[in-house]
Amino acid sequence: MNSWRVYILRCGDGSLYTGVTNDLERRLKAHNSGRGAKYTRSHGPVELAYSEPAFDKSSALKRELEIKGLTREQKLKLIATKPAQT
């Protein structure tokens, strides 16, 4: 059983993408194969820059919104504080 995770991807053009999933490995493969989000299809390839666990889908979505509200600089600081884990 996989737990919910919030993640940040570093895209091929240097931009950052934030999302949620309950299967991080599968989702990363989807992003890199062009079956992920519309944004990452045109900004790939992607690599995992950050992830954190969430208690459930609801808390993951709330945290995703919080992260999306951060500035790029704040997101980069968050990434620097915690290594990405699949």
N, C-alpha and C. Protein backbone atom coordinates (compact mmCIF):
# COMPACT_ATOMS: atom_id res chain seq x y z
N MET A 1 0.84 -1.18 0.00
CA MET A 1 0.00 0.00 0.00
C MET A 1 0.89 1.25 0.00
N ASN A 2 0.58 2.17 -0.87
CA ASN A 2 1.34 3.40 -0.97
C ASN A 2 0.62 4.53 -0.24
N SER A 3 1.39 5.39 0.39
CA SER A 3 0.81 6.53 1.08
C SER A 3 0.79 7.72 0.14
N TRP A 4 -0.02 8.69 0.46
CA TRP A 4 -0.10 9.91 -0.33
C TRP A 4 1.15 10.74 -0.14
N ARG A 5 1.60 11.37 -1.22
CA ARG A 5 2.78 12.21 -1.18
C ARG A 5 2.53 13.48 -1.99
N VAL A 6 3.14 14.55 -1.54
CA VAL A 6 3.19 15.80 -2.28
C VAL A 6 4.60 15.87 -2.84
N TYR A 7 4.74 16.28 -4.09
CA TYR A 7 6.06 16.27 -4.70
C TYR A 7 6.28 17.51 -5.56
N ILE A 8 7.55 17.83 -5.75
CA ILE A 8 7.94 18.90 -6.66
C ILE A 8 8.91 18.29 -7.67
N LEU A 9 8.65 18.56 -8.94
CA LEU A 9 9.52 18.11 -10.01
C LEU A 9 10.30 19.29 -10.56
N ARG A 10 11.54 19.03 -10.93
CA ARG A 10 12.33 20.01 -11.67
C ARG A 10 12.23 19.61 -13.14
N CYS A 11 11.66 20.50 -13.93
CA CYS A 11 11.45 20.20 -15.35
C CYS A 11 12.70 20.50 -16.16
N GLY A 12 12.72 19.99 -17.38
CA GLY A 12 13.88 20.14 -18.26
C GLY A 12 14.25 21.58 -18.52
N ASP A 13 13.27 22.49 -18.47
CA ASP A 13 13.56 23.91 -18.70
C ASP A 13 13.87 24.66 -17.42
N GLY A 14 13.98 23.94 -16.29
CA GLY A 14 14.31 24.56 -15.01
C GLY A 14 13.10 24.98 -14.20
N SER A 15 11.91 24.89 -14.77
CA SER A 15 10.71 25.26 -14.02
C SER A 15 10.38 24.16 -13.01
N LEU A 16 9.48 24.48 -12.08
CA LEU A 16 9.09 23.55 -11.03
C LEU A 16 7.61 23.21 -11.18
N TYR A 17 7.28 21.95 -10.94
CA TYR A 17 5.90 21.47 -11.01
C TYR A 17 5.57 20.78 -9.70
N THR A 18 4.43 21.08 -9.11
CA THR A 18 4.01 20.48 -7.85
C THR A 18 2.78 19.63 -8.07
N GLY A 19 2.76 18.45 -7.46
CA GLY A 19 1.61 17.56 -7.60
C GLY A 19 1.47 16.64 -6.40
N VAL A 20 0.44 15.79 -6.45
CA VAL A 20 0.20 14.79 -5.41
C VAL A 20 -0.02 13.44 -6.07
N THR A 21 0.27 12.39 -5.32
CA THR A 21 0.07 11.03 -5.83
C THR A 21 0.05 10.05 -4.67
N ASN A 22 -0.46 8.86 -4.94
CA ASN A 22 -0.36 7.78 -3.96
C ASN A 22 0.58 6.69 -4.46
N ASP A 23 1.26 6.96 -5.58
CA ASP A 23 2.26 6.03 -6.12
C ASP A 23 3.31 6.88 -6.85
N LEU A 24 4.30 7.32 -6.14
CA LEU A 24 5.27 8.27 -6.66
C LEU A 24 6.08 7.71 -7.83
N GLU A 25 6.54 6.50 -7.73
CA GLU A 25 7.33 5.91 -8.82
C GLU A 25 6.52 5.84 -10.12
N ARG A 26 5.28 5.38 -10.02
CA ARG A 26 4.42 5.30 -11.19
C ARG A 26 4.17 6.69 -11.78
N ARG A 27 3.94 7.65 -10.92
CA ARG A 27 3.66 9.01 -11.38
C ARG A 27 4.86 9.63 -12.08
N LEU A 28 6.06 9.41 -11.54
CA LEU A 28 7.26 9.93 -12.19
C LEU A 28 7.43 9.32 -13.58
N LYS A 29 7.21 8.02 -13.69
CA LYS A 29 7.29 7.37 -15.00
C LYS A 29 6.26 7.96 -15.96
N ALA A 30 5.07 8.23 -15.46
CA ALA A 30 4.02 8.82 -16.30
C ALA A 30 4.43 10.21 -16.79
N HIS A 31 4.96 11.01 -15.89
CA HIS A 31 5.41 12.35 -16.29
C HIS A 31 6.48 12.28 -17.37
N ASN A 32 7.43 11.39 -17.20
CA ASN A 32 8.55 11.30 -18.15
C ASN A 32 8.19 10.61 -19.45
N SER A 33 7.09 9.88 -19.48
CA SER A 33 6.68 9.22 -20.72
C SER A 33 5.64 10.03 -21.49
N GLY A 34 5.29 11.21 -20.97
CA GLY A 34 4.31 12.04 -21.66
C GLY A 34 2.88 11.76 -21.28
N ARG A 35 2.67 10.88 -20.30
CA ARG A 35 1.32 10.55 -19.85
C ARG A 35 0.97 11.25 -18.53
N GLY A 36 1.84 12.14 -18.07
CA GLY A 36 1.59 12.86 -16.83
C GLY A 36 0.75 14.09 -17.09
N ALA A 37 0.99 15.10 -16.33
CA ALA A 37 0.24 16.35 -16.46
C ALA A 37 0.55 17.05 -17.79
N LYS A 38 -0.40 17.81 -18.26
CA LYS A 38 -0.22 18.54 -19.52
C LYS A 38 1.02 19.43 -19.44
N TYR A 39 1.24 20.06 -18.30
CA TYR A 39 2.39 20.96 -18.14
C TYR A 39 3.70 20.22 -18.35
N THR A 40 3.85 19.07 -17.73
CA THR A 40 5.13 18.36 -17.82
C THR A 40 5.36 17.74 -19.19
N ARG A 41 4.29 17.51 -19.95
CA ARG A 41 4.46 16.99 -21.31
C ARG A 41 5.28 17.93 -22.17
N SER A 42 5.10 19.23 -21.95
CA SER A 42 5.81 20.20 -22.78
C SER A 42 7.03 20.81 -22.08
N HIS A 43 7.34 20.34 -20.87
CA HIS A 43 8.48 20.87 -20.12
C HIS A 43 9.42 19.79 -19.64
N GLY A 44 9.31 18.60 -20.19
CA GLY A 44 10.13 17.48 -19.75
C GLY A 44 11.52 17.52 -20.35
N PRO A 45 12.36 16.59 -19.95
CA PRO A 45 12.10 15.56 -18.95
C PRO A 45 12.07 16.15 -17.55
N VAL A 46 11.56 15.37 -16.61
CA VAL A 46 11.45 15.85 -15.24
C VAL A 46 12.26 14.96 -14.30
N GLU A 47 12.64 15.55 -13.18
CA GLU A 47 13.30 14.76 -12.12
C GLU A 47 12.71 15.18 -10.79
N LEU A 48 12.63 14.24 -9.89
CA LEU A 48 12.08 14.50 -8.57
C LEU A 48 13.03 15.40 -7.80
N ALA A 49 12.51 16.52 -7.31
CA ALA A 49 13.33 17.45 -6.54
C ALA A 49 12.98 17.40 -5.05
N TYR A 50 11.73 17.06 -4.74
CA TYR A 50 11.26 17.11 -3.35
C TYR A 50 10.02 16.26 -3.21
N SER A 51 9.86 15.62 -2.07
CA SER A 51 8.60 14.95 -1.75
C SER A 51 8.43 14.89 -0.25
N GLU A 52 7.18 14.87 0.16
CA GLU A 52 6.88 14.73 1.58
C GLU A 52 5.62 13.89 1.71
N PRO A 53 5.52 13.12 2.79
CA PRO A 53 4.33 12.29 2.99
C PRO A 53 3.14 13.13 3.43
N ALA A 54 1.96 12.62 3.15
CA ALA A 54 0.72 13.24 3.61
C ALA A 54 -0.14 12.15 4.23
N PHE A 55 -0.93 12.52 5.18
CA PHE A 55 -1.76 11.56 5.92
C PHE A 55 -2.80 10.92 5.01
N ASP A 56 -3.44 11.72 4.17
CA ASP A 56 -4.47 11.23 3.26
C ASP A 56 -4.55 12.15 2.05
N LYS A 57 -5.44 11.84 1.14
CA LYS A 57 -5.56 12.63 -0.09
C LYS A 57 -5.94 14.07 0.21
N SER A 58 -6.83 14.27 1.14
CA SER A 58 -7.28 15.62 1.48
C SER A 58 -6.13 16.48 1.99
N SER A 59 -5.34 15.95 2.90
CA SER A 59 -4.22 16.72 3.43
C SER A 59 -3.14 16.92 2.37
N ALA A 60 -2.99 15.95 1.46
CA ALA A 60 -2.03 16.11 0.36
C ALA A 60 -2.45 17.25 -0.55
N LEU A 61 -3.73 17.32 -0.88
CA LEU A 61 -4.22 18.40 -1.74
C LEU A 61 -4.10 19.77 -1.07
N LYS A 62 -4.34 19.82 0.22
CA LYS A 62 -4.19 21.09 0.94
C LYS A 62 -2.73 21.54 0.93
N ARG A 63 -1.83 20.60 1.17
CA ARG A 63 -0.40 20.94 1.17
C ARG A 63 0.07 21.33 -0.23
N GLU A 64 -0.45 20.66 -1.25
CA GLU A 64 -0.12 21.02 -2.62
C GLU A 64 -0.48 22.49 -2.89
N LEU A 65 -1.66 22.90 -2.46
CA LEU A 65 -2.07 24.30 -2.65
C LEU A 65 -1.15 25.26 -1.90
N GLU A 66 -0.74 24.87 -0.69
CA GLU A 66 0.19 25.71 0.08
C GLU A 66 1.50 25.89 -0.69
N ILE A 67 2.03 24.80 -1.20
CA ILE A 67 3.30 24.86 -1.92
C ILE A 67 3.15 25.66 -3.21
N LYS A 68 2.05 25.46 -3.92
CA LYS A 68 1.83 26.21 -5.15
C LYS A 68 1.73 27.72 -4.88
N GLY A 69 1.37 28.09 -3.67
CA GLY A 69 1.27 29.49 -3.31
C GLY A 69 2.61 30.13 -2.96
N LEU A 70 3.65 29.32 -2.84
CA LEU A 70 4.99 29.83 -2.52
C LEU A 70 5.63 30.47 -3.75
N THR A 71 6.54 31.38 -3.50
CA THR A 71 7.33 31.92 -4.60
C THR A 71 8.35 30.86 -5.04
N ARG A 72 8.93 31.07 -6.19
CA ARG A 72 9.96 30.13 -6.67
C ARG A 72 11.11 30.04 -5.67
N GLU A 73 11.51 31.19 -5.14
CA GLU A 73 12.60 31.21 -4.16
C GLU A 73 12.24 30.38 -2.93
N GLN A 74 11.02 30.51 -2.44
CA GLN A 74 10.59 29.74 -1.28
C GLN A 74 10.55 28.24 -1.59
N LYS A 75 10.12 27.89 -2.80
CA LYS A 75 10.11 26.48 -3.20
C LYS A 75 11.53 25.92 -3.25
N LEU A 76 12.46 26.71 -3.77
CA LEU A 76 13.85 26.25 -3.83
C LEU A 76 14.43 26.06 -2.44
N LYS A 77 14.06 26.92 -1.50
CA LYS A 77 14.50 26.75 -0.11
C LYS A 77 13.91 25.47 0.48
N LEU A 78 12.64 25.21 0.19
CA LEU A 78 12.00 23.99 0.68
C LEU A 78 12.72 22.76 0.12
N ILE A 79 13.02 22.78 -1.16
CA ILE A 79 13.73 21.68 -1.81
C ILE A 79 15.08 21.46 -1.14
N ALA A 80 15.77 22.55 -0.81
CA ALA A 80 17.11 22.46 -0.21
C ALA A 80 17.07 21.88 1.20
N THR A 81 15.94 21.97 1.89
CA THR A 81 15.86 21.52 3.28
C THR A 81 15.65 20.02 3.41
N LYS A 82 15.19 19.37 2.34
CA LYS A 82 14.81 17.96 2.46
C LYS A 82 15.10 17.24 1.15
N PRO A 83 15.90 16.20 1.17
CA PRO A 83 16.19 15.47 -0.07
C PRO A 83 14.95 14.74 -0.58
N ALA A 84 14.86 14.61 -1.87
CA ALA A 84 13.74 13.90 -2.49
C ALA A 84 13.84 12.41 -2.20
N GLN A 85 12.69 11.79 -1.97
CA GLN A 85 12.62 10.35 -1.72
C GLN A 85 11.50 9.76 -2.54
N THR A 86 11.76 8.66 -3.21
CA THR A 86 10.69 7.98 -3.94
C THR A 86 10.05 6.94 -3.07
